[in-house]
Amino acid sequence: MTLPRRSTQITGLLSVKQEGKGLGKITGLKKAWKQRLVSMSPMADLTTSRTIIRVDFSNESQKEKTSILLENVASVQRTNAYKSYPYAFEILSEGRSMIQLSGQNETESQMWISAIHGFLNSRLLDESHENGYGIYKVSVIDNEDSAFLQFSGSYEIKVDKAGITFTSLVDGYVVEKWPIESLKFFCFG
């Protein structure tokens, strides 16, 4: 049994490509990318306490609607596999791609990735972050400033008494670590 978690939902027009014969038959998407109105919302599986992502697809006229549930989602990450879709990202389960999506630009794709990370980590984000300490999921959008700093993508930020640590959500690598004493201005809370 699944119940909707909060009213959190993201909706927008994306290019969609799905792998696997089963999903392709359900949505009418086989090997070609198709423009679809996509709506995603998190659901809680009451038997396992895992997050399930409900994905609703419809064509631009909204006459054809299809819904799928993505279970056992492990991660969401950017993919460079499609030259025609430079802003593509994919949702993975157990090392295999479940669905590939692409926004019209970097900002749009990063917003979707961030929302999906929020769905997957909503239990963590629901907990109180006493005095600002805790773990946060963030996305640094590609722009002129992030290009100059060579710092973009999805990160987990851990804030504790020792400092702030940025860890890549893609490979688990600690990208940056700042001791609290090195920060000129920092406010908890």
Protein backbone atom coordinates (compact mmCIF):
# COMPACT_ATOMS: atom_id res chain seq x y z
CA MET A 1 0.00 0.00 0.00
CA THR A 2 1.30 3.44 -0.85
CA LEU A 3 0.19 6.81 0.40
CA PRO A 4 1.18 10.20 -0.99
CA ARG A 5 3.81 12.00 1.13
CA ARG A 6 3.16 15.71 1.46
CA SER A 7 1.91 17.69 -1.51
CA THR A 8 5.41 17.96 -2.99
CA GLN A 9 5.25 17.66 -6.74
CA ILE A 10 7.17 18.90 -9.76
CA THR A 11 5.60 19.31 -13.19
CA GLY A 12 7.02 20.48 -16.50
CA LEU A 13 7.67 19.77 -20.15
CA LEU A 14 10.63 17.40 -20.60
CA SER A 15 12.13 15.24 -23.31
CA VAL A 16 11.71 11.61 -22.22
CA LYS A 17 13.37 8.35 -23.23
CA GLN A 18 12.84 5.10 -21.39
CA GLU A 19 14.82 1.88 -21.40
CA GLY A 20 13.28 -1.54 -21.32
CA LYS A 21 10.48 -3.11 -23.31
CA GLY A 22 7.99 -2.98 -20.45
CA LEU A 23 8.24 0.76 -19.78
CA GLY A 24 8.38 1.54 -23.50
CA LYS A 25 5.12 -0.32 -24.08
CA ILE A 26 3.41 1.40 -21.16
CA THR A 27 4.30 4.95 -22.18
CA GLY A 28 4.53 4.51 -25.94
CA LEU A 29 8.21 5.48 -25.81
CA LYS A 30 10.60 3.04 -27.40
CA LYS A 31 13.88 4.30 -28.77
CA ALA A 32 13.04 7.89 -29.67
CA TRP A 33 12.97 10.87 -27.36
CA LYS A 34 9.50 12.36 -27.01
CA GLN A 35 8.39 15.68 -25.59
CA ARG A 36 6.01 15.00 -22.67
CA LEU A 37 4.35 16.86 -19.85
CA VAL A 38 5.87 15.10 -16.82
CA SER A 39 4.66 15.26 -13.25
CA MET A 40 6.55 13.58 -10.39
CA SER A 41 5.58 13.17 -6.77
CA PRO A 42 6.97 11.08 -3.91
CA MET A 43 4.98 8.33 -2.25
CA ALA A 44 5.82 6.28 0.85
CA ASP A 45 5.78 2.50 0.77
CA LEU A 46 4.32 1.65 4.17
CA THR A 47 5.75 -1.87 4.16
CA THR A 48 9.39 -0.89 3.56
CA SER A 49 9.45 2.84 4.47
CA ARG A 50 11.09 3.50 1.10
CA THR A 51 10.21 6.34 -1.21
CA ILE A 52 8.48 5.51 -4.46
CA ILE A 53 8.35 8.15 -7.17
CA ARG A 54 5.11 8.38 -9.13
CA VAL A 55 5.66 9.66 -12.67
CA ASP A 56 2.74 10.84 -14.79
CA PHE A 57 3.24 11.38 -18.52
CA SER A 58 0.92 13.04 -21.00
CA ASN A 59 1.36 14.27 -24.52
CA GLU A 60 1.05 17.98 -25.23
CA SER A 61 -2.69 17.71 -25.93
CA GLN A 62 -3.02 15.80 -22.61
CA LYS A 63 -5.33 13.26 -24.29
CA GLU A 64 -2.99 10.34 -23.60
CA LYS A 65 -2.01 9.96 -19.93
CA THR A 66 0.15 7.27 -18.39
CA SER A 67 1.48 6.73 -14.87
CA ILE A 68 4.33 4.58 -13.63
CA LEU A 69 5.84 4.00 -10.19
CA LEU A 70 9.62 4.03 -9.86
CA GLU A 71 10.58 1.74 -7.00
CA ASN A 72 14.03 1.09 -5.51
CA VAL A 73 15.43 4.31 -6.94
CA ALA A 74 19.11 4.46 -6.00
CA SER A 75 20.13 7.79 -7.52
CA VAL A 76 19.63 10.44 -10.15
CA GLN A 77 22.57 11.70 -12.16
CA ARG A 78 23.58 13.61 -15.26
CA THR A 79 24.43 11.61 -18.37
CA ASN A 80 26.53 12.63 -21.35
CA ALA A 81 25.36 9.70 -23.48
CA TYR A 82 23.20 11.78 -25.81
CA LYS A 83 24.85 14.54 -27.87
CA SER A 84 21.45 15.85 -29.00
CA TYR A 85 20.38 16.16 -25.36
CA PRO A 86 23.22 17.88 -23.48
CA TYR A 87 21.06 18.45 -20.37
CA ALA A 88 20.00 14.81 -20.02
CA PHE A 89 19.83 13.05 -16.68
CA GLU A 90 18.77 9.57 -15.64
CA ILE A 91 17.11 7.85 -12.71
CA LEU A 92 18.94 4.68 -11.66
CA SER A 93 18.01 1.54 -9.76
CA GLU A 94 20.64 -1.01 -8.81
CA GLY A 95 23.11 0.36 -11.35
CA ARG A 96 20.72 0.33 -14.31
CA SER A 97 18.96 3.23 -15.89
CA MET A 98 15.19 3.26 -15.38
CA ILE A 99 14.39 6.42 -17.33
CA GLN A 100 16.25 9.23 -19.09
CA LEU A 101 14.93 12.79 -19.09
CA SER A 102 16.18 16.10 -20.42
CA GLY A 103 15.27 19.67 -19.64
CA GLN A 104 15.52 22.46 -22.19
CA ASN A 105 18.51 23.99 -20.38
CA GLU A 106 20.92 23.37 -17.51
CA THR A 107 18.86 25.22 -14.92
CA GLU A 108 15.71 23.24 -15.71
CA SER A 109 17.52 19.89 -15.52
CA GLN A 110 19.22 20.86 -12.24
CA MET A 111 15.85 21.85 -10.77
CA TRP A 112 14.43 18.40 -11.63
CA ILE A 113 17.51 16.61 -10.26
CA SER A 114 17.29 18.63 -7.05
CA ALA A 115 13.56 17.86 -6.68
CA ILE A 116 14.16 14.13 -7.19
CA HIS A 117 16.98 14.21 -4.62
CA GLY A 118 14.53 15.92 -2.30
CA PHE A 119 12.02 13.12 -2.85
CA LEU A 120 14.63 10.45 -2.12
CA ASN A 121 15.96 12.23 0.95
CA SER A 122 12.72 13.71 2.27
CA ARG A 123 12.91 11.68 5.48
CA LEU A 124 16.31 13.19 6.26
CA LEU A 125 15.16 16.68 5.41
CA ASP A 126 12.07 16.32 7.62
CA GLU A 127 14.27 15.94 10.72
CA SER A 128 15.12 18.99 12.76
CA HIS A 129 18.51 20.56 12.07
CA GLU A 130 19.30 21.80 15.56
CA ASN A 131 21.45 24.96 15.49
CA GLY A 132 21.87 24.54 11.71
CA TYR A 133 23.89 21.35 12.15
CA GLY A 134 22.89 18.48 9.92
CA ILE A 135 23.10 17.13 6.41
CA TYR A 136 21.63 18.99 3.45
CA LYS A 137 21.26 18.06 -0.22
CA VAL A 138 22.04 20.86 -2.67
CA SER A 139 22.57 21.37 -6.40
CA VAL A 140 25.03 23.94 -7.70
CA ILE A 141 23.78 25.08 -11.10
CA ASP A 142 26.21 25.51 -14.00
CA ASN A 143 26.67 29.21 -14.68
CA GLU A 144 29.51 31.70 -15.15
CA ASP A 145 30.42 31.73 -11.45
CA SER A 146 30.36 27.95 -10.98
CA ALA A 147 32.42 27.53 -14.17
CA PHE A 148 35.02 29.98 -12.81
CA LEU A 149 35.16 28.03 -9.51
CA GLN A 150 34.94 24.66 -11.30
CA PHE A 151 32.21 23.73 -8.84
CA SER A 152 28.81 22.45 -10.02
CA GLY A 153 26.56 19.42 -9.62
CA SER A 154 24.73 17.69 -6.76
CA TYR A 155 26.25 17.58 -3.29
CA GLU A 156 25.60 16.54 0.26
CA ILE A 157 26.65 19.28 2.67
CA LYS A 158 27.41 18.22 6.23
CA VAL A 159 27.50 21.01 8.80
CA ASP A 160 28.88 20.20 12.25
CA LYS A 161 31.07 21.77 14.93
CA ALA A 162 34.21 20.83 12.99
CA GLY A 163 33.18 22.57 9.78
CA ILE A 164 31.37 22.21 6.48
CA THR A 165 32.01 19.30 4.13
CA PHE A 166 30.85 19.07 0.48
CA THR A 167 30.55 15.48 -0.75
CA SER A 168 29.67 14.60 -4.34
CA LEU A 169 26.43 12.62 -4.59
CA VAL A 170 27.69 11.01 -7.80
CA ASP A 171 30.82 9.29 -6.48
CA GLY A 172 30.93 10.00 -2.72
CA TYR A 173 34.17 12.00 -3.08
CA VAL A 174 34.77 14.81 -0.56
CA VAL A 175 35.10 17.82 -2.86
CA GLU A 176 35.66 20.57 -0.30
CA LYS A 177 36.04 20.82 3.48
CA TRP A 178 36.13 24.07 5.42
CA PRO A 179 36.93 24.21 9.15
CA ILE A 180 34.53 26.49 11.04
CA GLU A 181 37.46 28.69 12.15
CA SER A 182 38.30 29.47 8.51
CA LEU A 183 34.87 30.94 7.81
CA LYS A 184 34.69 34.68 8.35
CA PHE A 185 30.88 34.73 8.52
CA PHE A 186 28.66 31.78 9.26
CA CYS A 187 25.33 31.70 11.01
CA PHE A 188 23.65 28.58 12.37
CA GLY A 189 19.87 28.53 12.22
